[in-house]
C-alpha atoms as a PDB file:
ATOM      1  CA  UNK A   1      53.809 106.786 187.881  1.00  0.00           C
ATOM      2  CA  UNK A   2      55.681 106.598 184.584  1.00  0.00           C
ATOM      3  CA  UNK A   3      52.971 107.925 182.257  1.00  0.00           C
ATOM      4  CA  UNK A   4      52.033 111.564 181.809  1.00  0.00           C
ATOM      5  CA  UNK A   5      49.309 113.482 179.984  1.00  0.00           C
ATOM      6  CA  UNK A   6      49.148 117.224 179.421  1.00  0.00           C
ATOM      7  CA  UNK A   7      45.717 118.593 180.323  1.00  0.00           C
ATOM      8  CA  UNK A   8      45.220 122.366 180.377  1.00  0.00           C
ATOM      9  CA  UNK A   9      48.966 122.897 180.778  1.00  0.00           C
ATOM     10  CA  UNK A  10      49.158 120.531 183.754  1.00  0.00           C
ATOM     11  CA  UNK A  11      51.253 117.367 183.910  1.00  0.00           C
ATOM     12  CA  UNK A  12      48.900 114.580 185.026  1.00  0.00           C
ATOM     13  CA  UNK A  13      50.823 111.503 186.141  1.00  0.00           C
ATOM     14  CA  UNK A  14      49.008 108.189 185.811  1.00  0.00           C
ATOM     15  CA  UNK A  15      49.391 104.470 185.333  1.00  0.00           C
ATOM     16  CA  UNK A  16      47.393 101.520 184.069  1.00  0.00           C
ATOM     17  CA  UNK A  17      47.761  97.789 184.694  1.00  0.00           C
ATOM     18  CA  UNK A  18      45.815  94.556 184.613  1.00  0.00           C
ATOM     19  CA  UNK A  19      43.178  93.323 182.189  1.00  0.00           C
ATOM     20  CA  UNK A  20      39.406  93.269 182.157  1.00  0.00           C
ATOM     21  CA  UNK A  21      36.708  95.943 182.469  1.00  0.00           C
ATOM     22  CA  UNK A  22      38.073  99.461 183.098  1.00  0.00           C
ATOM     23  CA  UNK A  23      38.279 100.637 186.701  1.00  0.00           C
ATOM     24  CA  UNK A  24      39.471 104.090 187.834  1.00  0.00           C
ATOM     25  CA  UNK A  25      40.632 104.760 191.407  1.00  0.00           C
ATOM     26  CA  UNK A  26      40.448 108.317 192.758  1.00  0.00           C
ATOM     27  CA  UNK A  27      42.453 109.697 195.663  1.00  0.00           C
ATOM     28  CA  UNK A  28      41.594 112.635 197.911  1.00  0.00           C
ATOM     29  CA  UNK A  29      43.510 115.136 200.012  1.00  0.00           C
ATOM     30  CA  UNK A  30      46.240 115.182 201.165  1.00  0.00           C
ATOM     31  CA  UNK A  31      46.774 111.831 199.478  1.00  0.00           C
ATOM     32  CA  UNK A  32      47.861 110.547 196.080  1.00  0.00           C
ATOM     33  CA  UNK A  33      47.461 107.368 194.055  1.00  0.00           C
ATOM     34  CA  UNK A  34      50.069 105.765 196.338  1.00  0.00           C
ATOM     35  CA  UNK A  35      47.336 105.194 198.895  1.00  0.00           C
ATOM     36  CA  UNK A  36      45.408 102.967 196.473  1.00  0.00           C
ATOM     37  CA  UNK A  37      48.274 101.049 194.866  1.00  0.00           C
ATOM     38  CA  UNK A  38      48.246  97.829 196.965  1.00  0.00           C
ATOM     39  CA  UNK A  39      44.517  97.326 196.419  1.00  0.00           C
ATOM     40  CA  UNK A  40      44.777  98.508 192.803  1.00  0.00           C
ATOM     41  CA  UNK A  41      47.407  95.869 192.038  1.00  0.00           C
ATOM     42  CA  UNK A  42      45.232  93.149 193.553  1.00  0.00           C
ATOM     43  CA  UNK A  43      42.181  94.280 191.553  1.00  0.00           C
ATOM     44  CA  UNK A  44      44.296  94.197 188.393  1.00  0.00           C
ATOM     45  CA  UNK A  45      43.722  90.437 188.257  1.00  0.00           C
ATOM     46  CA  UNK A  46      40.100  91.202 187.323  1.00  0.00           C
ATOM     47  CA  UNK A  47      40.107  94.774 185.957  1.00  0.00           C
ATOM     48  CA  UNK A  48      42.179  97.147 183.861  1.00  0.00           C
ATOM     49  CA  UNK A  49      42.949  99.545 186.698  1.00  0.00           C
ATOM     50  CA  UNK A  50      43.717 103.227 186.108  1.00  0.00           C
ATOM     51  CA  UNK A  51      45.302 105.322 188.858  1.00  0.00           C
ATOM     52  CA  UNK A  52      46.299 108.971 188.647  1.00  0.00           C
ATOM     53  CA  UNK A  53      47.516 111.907 190.697  1.00  0.00           C
ATOM     54  CA  UNK A  54      45.341 114.991 190.451  1.00  0.00           C
ATOM     55  CA  UNK A  55      47.184 118.198 189.502  1.00  0.00           C
ATOM     56  CA  UNK A  56      48.614 119.667 192.673  1.00  0.00           C
ATOM     57  CA  UNK A  57      49.067 116.220 194.256  1.00  0.00           C
ATOM     58  CA  UNK A  58      51.540 113.354 194.301  1.00  0.00           C
ATOM     59  CA  UNK A  59      53.790 113.260 191.246  1.00  0.00           C
ATOM     60  CA  UNK A  60      51.622 115.557 189.083  1.00  0.00           C
ATOM     61  CA  UNK A  61      52.591 119.181 188.515  1.00  0.00           C
ATOM     62  CA  UNK A  62      52.172 121.644 191.383  1.00  0.00           C
ATOM     63  CA  UNK A  63      52.642 124.974 189.652  1.00  0.00           C
ATOM     64  CA  UNK A  64      51.309 127.830 191.790  1.00  0.00           C
ATOM     65  CA  UNK A  65      49.476 129.538 188.907  1.00  0.00           C
ATOM     66  CA  UNK A  66      47.210 126.507 188.408  1.00  0.00           C
ATOM     67  CA  UNK A  67      43.923 126.292 190.313  1.00  0.00           C
ATOM     68  CA  UNK A  68      43.385 122.978 192.112  1.00  0.00           C
ATOM     69  CA  UNK A  69      39.844 123.435 193.452  1.00  0.00           C
ATOM     70  CA  UNK A  70      37.139 120.790 193.158  1.00  0.00           C
ATOM     71  CA  UNK A  71      35.530 122.529 190.199  1.00  0.00           C
ATOM     72  CA  UNK A  72      38.715 122.364 188.133  1.00  0.00           C
ATOM     73  CA  UNK A  73      39.470 118.792 189.211  1.00  0.00           C
ATOM     74  CA  UNK A  74      36.012 117.618 188.111  1.00  0.00           C
ATOM     75  CA  UNK A  75      36.510 119.077 184.631  1.00  0.00           C
ATOM     76  CA  UNK A  76      40.020 117.615 184.386  1.00  0.00           C
ATOM     77  CA  UNK A  77      38.754 114.157 185.355  1.00  0.00           C
ATOM     78  CA  UNK A  78      36.043 114.250 182.693  1.00  0.00           C
ATOM     79  CA  UNK A  79      38.696 115.240 180.135  1.00  0.00           C
ATOM     80  CA  UNK A  80      41.057 112.526 181.406  1.00  0.00           C
ATOM     81  CA  UNK A  81      38.381 109.874 180.814  1.00  0.00           C
ATOM     82  CA  UNK A  82      38.099 111.113 177.236  1.00  0.00           C
ATOM     83  CA  UNK A  83      41.887 110.995 176.806  1.00  0.00           C
ATOM     84  CA  UNK A  84      41.865 107.409 178.066  1.00  0.00           C
ATOM     85  CA  UNK A  85      38.948 106.531 175.791  1.00  0.00           C
ATOM     86  CA  UNK A  86      36.832 105.305 178.710  1.00  0.00           C
ATOM     87  CA  UNK A  87      33.079 105.763 178.314  1.00  0.00           C
ATOM     88  CA  UNK A  88      31.627 103.824 181.279  1.00  0.00           C
ATOM     89  CA  UNK A  89      34.356 102.722 183.697  1.00  0.00           C
ATOM     90  CA  UNK A  90      33.818 101.529 187.225  1.00  0.00           C
ATOM     91  CA  UNK A  91      34.964 104.341 189.540  1.00  0.00           C
ATOM     92  CA  UNK A  92      36.162 104.054 193.142  1.00  0.00           C
ATOM     93  CA  UNK A  93      36.680 107.383 194.891  1.00  0.00           C
ATOM     94  CA  UNK A  94      38.028 108.319 198.320  1.00  0.00           C
ATOM     95  CA  UNK A  95      37.790 111.584 200.257  1.00  0.00           C
ATOM     96  CA  UNK A  96      37.482 114.592 197.936  1.00  0.00           C
ATOM     97  CA  UNK A  97      37.954 112.248 195.008  1.00  0.00           C
ATOM     98  CA  UNK A  98      34.283 111.544 195.654  1.00  0.00           C
ATOM     99  CA  UNK A  99      33.356 115.169 194.987  1.00  0.00           C
ATOM    100  CA  UNK A 100      35.533 115.152 191.850  1.00  0.00           C
ATOM    101  CA  UNK A 101      33.851 111.999 190.519  1.00  0.00           C
ATOM    102  CA  UNK A 102      30.388 113.337 191.384  1.00  0.00           C
ATOM    103  CA  UNK A 103      31.038 116.684 189.685  1.00  0.00           C
ATOM    104  CA  UNK A 104      32.391 114.979 186.563  1.00  0.00           C
ATOM    105  CA  UNK A 105      29.257 112.825 186.494  1.00  0.00           C
ATOM    106  CA  UNK A 106      26.680 115.534 187.234  1.00  0.00           C
ATOM    107  CA  UNK A 107      28.231 118.571 185.537  1.00  0.00           C
ATOM    108  CA  UNK A 108      30.604 117.379 182.827  1.00  0.00           C
ATOM    109  CA  UNK A 109      28.998 114.417 181.101  1.00  0.00           C
ATOM    110  CA  UNK A 110      30.987 111.519 182.591  1.00  0.00           C
ATOM    111  CA  UNK A 111      29.188 108.166 182.832  1.00  0.00           C
ATOM    112  CA  UNK A 112      30.106 105.233 185.068  1.00  0.00           C
ATOM    113  CA  UNK A 113      29.335 101.527 185.117  1.00  0.00           C
ATOM    114  CA  UNK A 114      29.317 101.814 188.905  1.00  0.00           C
ATOM    115  CA  UNK A 115      30.417 104.331 191.519  1.00  0.00           C
ATOM    116  CA  UNK A 116      31.884 103.390 194.894  1.00  0.00           C
ATOM    117  CA  UNK A 117      32.268 106.252 197.368  1.00  0.00           C
ATOM    118  CA  UNK A 118      34.712 105.663 200.231  1.00  0.00           C
ATOM    119  CA  UNK A 119      34.662 108.153 203.135  1.00  0.00           C
ATOM    120  CA  UNK A 120      34.006 110.910 200.631  1.00  0.00           C
ATOM    121  CA  UNK A 121      33.665 114.667 200.640  1.00  0.00           C
ATOM    122  CA  UNK A 122      30.115 115.095 199.337  1.00  0.00           C
ATOM    123  CA  UNK A 123      27.979 116.809 201.970  1.00  0.00           C
ATOM    124  CA  UNK A 124      28.514 120.001 203.959  1.00  0.00           C
ATOM    125  CA  UNK A 125      30.031 120.608 206.381  1.00  0.00           C
ATOM    126  CA  UNK A 126      33.384 119.023 205.591  1.00  0.00           C
ATOM    127  CA  UNK A 127      36.970 119.559 206.729  1.00  0.00           C
ATOM    128  CA  UNK A 128      38.739 118.677 209.972  1.00  0.00           C
ATOM    129  CA  UNK A 129      39.448 121.406 212.568  1.00  0.00           C
ATOM    130  CA  UNK A 130      43.046 121.622 211.296  1.00  0.00           C
ATOM    131  CA  UNK A 131      41.810 121.876 207.706  1.00  0.00           C
ATOM    132  CA  UNK A 132      39.524 124.754 208.691  1.00  0.00           C
ATOM    133  CA  UNK A 133      42.296 126.515 210.620  1.00  0.00           C
ATOM    134  CA  UNK A 134      44.665 126.306 207.670  1.00  0.00           C
ATOM    135  CA  UNK A 135      42.009 127.529 205.255  1.00  0.00           C
ATOM    136  CA  UNK A 136      41.456 130.640 207.386  1.00  0.00           C
ATOM    137  CA  UNK A 137      45.194 131.357 207.822  1.00  0.00           C
ATOM    138  CA  UNK A 138      46.899 129.816 204.777  1.00  0.00           C
ATOM    139  CA  UNK A 139      49.239 132.790 204.356  1.00  0.00           C
ATOM    140  CA  UNK A 140      50.587 132.239 207.872  1.00  0.00           C
ATOM    141  CA  UNK A 141      51.110 128.487 207.408  1.00  0.00           C
ATOM    142  CA  UNK A 142      53.015 129.115 204.181  1.00  0.00           C
ATOM    143  CA  UNK A 143      55.671 130.876 206.263  1.00  0.00           C
ATOM    144  CA  UNK A 144      56.255 127.998 208.685  1.00  0.00           C
ATOM    145  CA  UNK A 145      59.845 126.735 208.926  1.00  0.00           C
ATOM    146  CA  UNK A 146      60.162 123.448 207.052  1.00  0.00           C
ATOM    147  CA  UNK A 147      60.694 121.422 210.233  1.00  0.00           C
ATOM    148  CA  UNK A 148      57.576 122.855 211.851  1.00  0.00           C
ATOM    149  CA  UNK A 149      55.593 122.268 208.668  1.00  0.00           C
ATOM    150  CA  UNK A 150      56.742 118.653 208.576  1.00  0.00           C
ATOM    151  CA  UNK A 151      55.695 118.105 212.177  1.00  0.00           C
ATOM    152  CA  UNK A 152      52.289 119.657 211.547  1.00  0.00           C
ATOM    153  CA  UNK A 153      51.545 117.577 208.468  1.00  0.00           C
ATOM    154  CA  UNK A 154      52.748 114.368 210.117  1.00  0.00           C
ATOM    155  CA  UNK A 155      50.406 114.973 213.056  1.00  0.00           C
ATOM    156  CA  UNK A 156      47.575 115.834 210.658  1.00  0.00           C
ATOM    157  CA  UNK A 157      47.987 112.631 208.654  1.00  0.00           C
ATOM    158  CA  UNK A 158      48.320 110.460 211.757  1.00  0.00           C
ATOM    159  CA  UNK A 159      44.924 111.739 212.861  1.00  0.00           C
ATOM    160  CA  UNK A 160      43.278 110.262 209.751  1.00  0.00           C
ATOM    161  CA  UNK A 161      44.011 106.693 210.882  1.00  0.00           C
ATOM    162  CA  UNK A 162      42.192 104.821 213.632  1.00  0.00           C
ATOM    163  CA  UNK A 163      45.444 102.965 214.327  1.00  0.00           C
ATOM    164  CA  UNK A 164      49.089 103.967 214.616  1.00  0.00           C
ATOM    165  CA  UNK A 165      50.651 104.406 211.192  1.00  0.00           C
ATOM    166  CA  UNK A 166      53.845 102.534 210.383  1.00  0.00           C
ATOM    167  CA  UNK A 167      56.779 104.955 209.988  1.00  0.00           C
ATOM    168  CA  UNK A 168      57.332 104.038 206.329  1.00  0.00           C
ATOM    169  CA  UNK A 169      53.625 104.468 205.535  1.00  0.00           C
ATOM    170  CA  UNK A 170      53.636 107.881 207.172  1.00  0.00           C
ATOM    171  CA  UNK A 171      56.803 108.918 205.326  1.00  0.00           C
ATOM    172  CA  UNK A 172      55.318 107.905 201.964  1.00  0.00           C
ATOM    173  CA  UNK A 173      52.156 109.938 202.560  1.00  0.00           C
ATOM    174  CA  UNK A 174      54.048 113.013 203.786  1.00  0.00           C
ATOM    175  CA  UNK A 175      56.777 113.044 201.109  1.00  0.00           C
ATOM    176  CA  UNK A 176      54.879 114.896 198.321  1.00  0.00           C
ATOM    177  CA  UNK A 177      54.272 117.850 200.651  1.00  0.00           C
ATOM    178  CA  UNK A 178      57.872 118.500 201.699  1.00  0.00           C
ATOM    179  CA  UNK A 179      60.275 121.030 200.246  1.00  0.00           C
ATOM    180  CA  UNK A 180      59.356 124.511 199.062  1.00  0.00           C
ATOM    181  CA  UNK A 181      57.123 123.276 196.223  1.00  0.00           C
ATOM    182  CA  UNK A 182      55.365 120.669 198.343  1.00  0.00           C
ATOM    183  CA  UNK A 183      54.742 122.976 201.288  1.00  0.00           C
ATOM    184  CA  UNK A 184      53.287 125.654 199.055  1.00  0.00           C
ATOM    185  CA  UNK A 185      51.082 123.118 197.250  1.00  0.00           C
ATOM    186  CA  UNK A 186      49.799 121.652 200.512  1.00  0.00           C
ATOM    187  CA  UNK A 187      48.478 124.935 201.879  1.00  0.00           C
ATOM    188  CA  UNK A 188      47.314 126.158 198.469  1.00  0.00           C
ATOM    189  CA  UNK A 189      44.973 123.204 197.923  1.00  0.00           C
ATOM    190  CA  UNK A 190      43.413 123.744 201.354  1.00  0.00           C
ATOM    191  CA  UNK A 191      43.036 127.481 200.742  1.00  0.00           C
ATOM    192  CA  UNK A 192      41.100 126.728 197.534  1.00  0.00           C
ATOM    193  CA  UNK A 193      38.708 124.255 199.159  1.00  0.00           C
ATOM    194  CA  UNK A 194      35.126 125.512 199.067  1.00  0.00           C
ATOM    195  CA  UNK A 195      31.912 123.785 200.133  1.00  0.00           C
ATOM    196  CA  UNK A 196      30.030 125.449 197.286  1.00  0.00           C
ATOM    197  CA  UNK A 197      31.440 122.787 194.960  1.00  0.00           C
ATOM    198  CA  UNK A 198      29.504 120.084 196.815  1.00  0.00           C
ATOM    199  CA  UNK A 199      26.532 122.296 197.697  1.00  0.00           C
ATOM    200  CA  UNK A 200      25.998 122.917 193.951  1.00  0.00           C
ATOM    201  CA  UNK A 201      25.581 119.246 193.128  1.00  0.00           C
ATOM    202  CA  UNK A 202      24.009 117.842 196.301  1.00  0.00           C
ATOM    203  CA  UNK A 203      20.416 118.416 195.042  1.00  0.00           C
ATOM    204  CA  UNK A 204      21.213 116.187 192.028  1.00  0.00           C
ATOM    205  CA  UNK A 205      22.518 113.132 193.888  1.00  0.00           C
ATOM    206  CA  UNK A 206      19.145 111.451 193.562  1.00  0.00           C
ATOM    207  CA  UNK A 207      19.389 111.564 189.758  1.00  0.00           C
ATOM    208  CA  UNK A 208      22.398 109.229 189.628  1.00  0.00           C
ATOM    209  CA  UNK A 209      21.092 105.986 188.129  1.00  0.00           C
ATOM    210  CA  UNK A 210      24.130 103.688 188.003  1.00  0.00           C
ATOM    211  CA  UNK A 211      24.894 101.338 190.935  1.00  0.00           C
ATOM    212  CA  UNK A 212      26.320 103.328 193.874  1.00  0.00           C
ATOM    213  CA  UNK A 213      27.964 101.714 196.879  1.00  0.00           C
ATOM    214  CA  UNK A 214      28.988 103.795 199.899  1.00  0.00           C
ATOM    215  CA  UNK A 215      31.779 102.524 202.162  1.00  0.00           C
ATOM    216  CA  UNK A 216      32.757 104.236 205.414  1.00  0.00           C
ATOM    217  CA  UNK A 217      35.083 103.744 208.352  1.00  0.00           C
ATOM    218  CA  UNK A 218      33.005 103.674 211.534  1.00  0.00           C
ATOM    219  CA  UNK A 219      35.704 105.599 213.410  1.00  0.00           C
ATOM    220  CA  UNK A 220      36.351 108.252 210.748  1.00  0.00           C
ATOM    221  CA  UNK A 221      37.146 111.403 212.742  1.00  0.00           C
ATOM    222  CA  UNK A 222      37.630 113.581 209.643  1.00  0.00           C
ATOM    223  CA  UNK A 223      34.271 112.899 207.983  1.00  0.00           C
ATOM    224  CA  UNK A 224      32.046 111.257 210.613  1.00  0.00           C
ATOM    225  CA  UNK A 225      29.944 108.255 209.702  1.00  0.00           C
ATOM    226  CA  UNK A 226      26.695 110.230 209.935  1.00  0.00           C
ATOM    227  CA  UNK A 227      27.632 111.596 206.487  1.00  0.00           C
ATOM    228  CA  UNK A 228      27.518 108.038 205.140  1.00  0.00           C
ATOM    229  CA  UNK A 229      23.921 107.655 206.260  1.00  0.00           C
ATOM    230  CA  UNK A 230      22.979 111.095 204.892  1.00  0.00           C
ATOM    231  CA  UNK A 231      24.571 110.276 201.545  1.00  0.00           C
ATOM    232  CA  UNK A 232      22.841 106.877 201.485  1.00  0.00           C
ATOM    233  CA  UNK A 233      19.523 108.669 201.949  1.00  0.00           C
ATOM    234  CA  UNK A 234      20.372 111.228 199.247  1.00  0.00           C
ATOM    235  CA  UNK A 235      21.038 108.458 196.677  1.00  0.00           C
ATOM    236  CA  UNK A 236      17.958 106.278 197.247  1.00  0.00           C
ATOM    237  CA  UNK A 237      19.127 103.171 195.340  1.00  0.00           C
ATOM    238  CA  UNK A 238      22.613 103.161 196.927  1.00  0.00           C
ATOM    239  CA  UNK A 239      23.979 100.476 199.227  1.00  0.00           C
ATOM    240  CA  UNK A 240      26.048 101.125 202.348  1.00  0.00           C
ATOM    241  CA  UNK A 241      28.827  99.273 204.153  1.00  0.00           C
ATOM    242  CA  UNK A 242      30.225 100.608 207.452  1.00  0.00           C
ATOM    243  CA  UNK A 243      33.537  99.026 208.454  1.00  0.00           C
ATOM    244  CA  UNK A 244      34.306  98.808 212.160  1.00  0.00           C
ATOM    245  CA  UNK A 245      37.816  99.518 213.405  1.00  0.00           C
ATOM    246  CA  UNK A 246      38.595 101.876 210.525  1.00  0.00           C
ATOM    247  CA  UNK A 247      39.074 105.621 210.369  1.00  0.00           C
ATOM    248  CA  UNK A 248      39.407 107.921 207.387  1.00  0.00           C
ATOM    249  CA  UNK A 249      42.505 106.097 206.141  1.00  0.00           C
ATOM    250  CA  UNK A 250      40.459 102.954 205.642  1.00  0.00           C
ATOM    251  CA  UNK A 251      42.961 101.664 203.066  1.00  0.00           C
ATOM    252  CA  UNK A 252      45.493 101.280 205.878  1.00  0.00           C
ATOM    253  CA  UNK A 253      43.177 100.517 208.787  1.00  0.00           C
ATOM    254  CA  UNK A 254      41.146  97.713 207.190  1.00  0.00           C
ATOM    255  CA  UNK A 255      42.472  96.808 203.719  1.00  0.00           C
ATOM    256  CA  UNK A 256      40.966  93.311 203.530  1.00  0.00           C
ATOM    257  CA  UNK A 257      37.512  94.453 204.628  1.00  0.00           C
ATOM    258  CA  UNK A 258      37.695  97.403 202.247  1.00  0.00           C
ATOM    259  CA  UNK A 259      38.676  95.178 199.302  1.00  0.00           C
ATOM    260  CA  UNK A 260      35.719  92.883 199.916  1.00  0.00           C
ATOM    261  CA  UNK A 261      33.369  95.892 200.109  1.00  0.00           C
ATOM    262  CA  UNK A 262      34.781  97.330 196.871  1.00  0.00           C
ATOM    263  CA  UNK A 263      34.212  94.096 194.995  1.00  0.00           C
ATOM    264  CA  UNK A 264      30.658  93.865 196.300  1.00  0.00           C
ATOM    265  CA  UNK A 265      30.040  97.414 195.118  1.00  0.00           C
ATOM    266  CA  UNK A 266      31.353  96.652 191.648  1.00  0.00           C
ATOM    267  CA  UNK A 267      29.314  93.467 191.549  1.00  0.00           C
ATOM    268  CA  UNK A 268      32.132  90.955 191.828  1.00  0.00           C
ATOM    269  CA  UNK A 269      32.474  88.207 194.420  1.00  0.00           C
ATOM    270  CA  UNK A 270      34.692  89.159 197.386  1.00  0.00           C
ATOM    271  CA  UNK A 271      38.186  87.724 197.556  1.00  0.00           C
ATOM    272  CA  UNK A 272      40.459  87.155 200.537  1.00  0.00           C
ATOM    273  CA  UNK A 273      43.563  89.319 199.960  1.00  0.00           C
ATOM    274  CA  UNK A 274      45.983  87.223 202.028  1.00  0.00           C
ATOM    275  CA  UNK A 275      49.360  88.809 202.355  1.00  0.00           C
ATOM    276  CA  UNK A 276      48.356  92.329 201.320  1.00  0.00           C
ATOM    277  CA  UNK A 277      50.367  95.047 202.931  1.00  0.00           C
ATOM    278  CA  UNK A 278      49.074  98.630 203.147  1.00  0.00           C
ATOM    279  CA  UNK A 279      51.086 101.180 201.157  1.00  0.00           C
END
């Protein structure tokens, strides 16, 4: 992530590659744009792909005085689109990136050519048991020895996949949350999570008029697949794809199936991504 923008005093790291209609890929928590990069690079043959790390995540700034809640992230994303000069990009969002994209759309004037929601935070209740435990005791978790913290976050991330994660994939996903800054940022973003940010906008989901495609891993243990069906019902014109053999980390569990579903959602013909390797 070699490019940086200053938004509200925060360093927002981002990148852009490819050519064609604009496409923005949104990560969730505790992820970063790294999770999307293999698929993003493949889509760059058809689209101008934008990836970014939200403040508090990945390579973007993690200063403790900066709020990182969903409300702030939605406003920052709407501003980022203006900085990029994008008026109606295609948007693909995963996990709480879905809530960020939805808030930018419904509260801050963003407009999309299409919106693809992948195992997203959008409907209450949300948050795994570990997520809830940390939220209730964030001050205690902040004091964990670094080795214990590392073990806890590794176990947490492993639980998001329906399959065993490769060691190098796991290391890449854990790396931003290590060290004093990373550990503090990890527990801070959980402490600031609040379902009111999705409760506020849920009644407006039916007003979204651009194409919406919902994609879900059938074995998602973090945000169970019943949320996919509820969200499909809340956005009456939406389409839904449920991918078997995939958990919450659908990018790693079923990358080829996910890529085909993404292209269908955008309105392009599916491709066979032979040779892709997750993360």
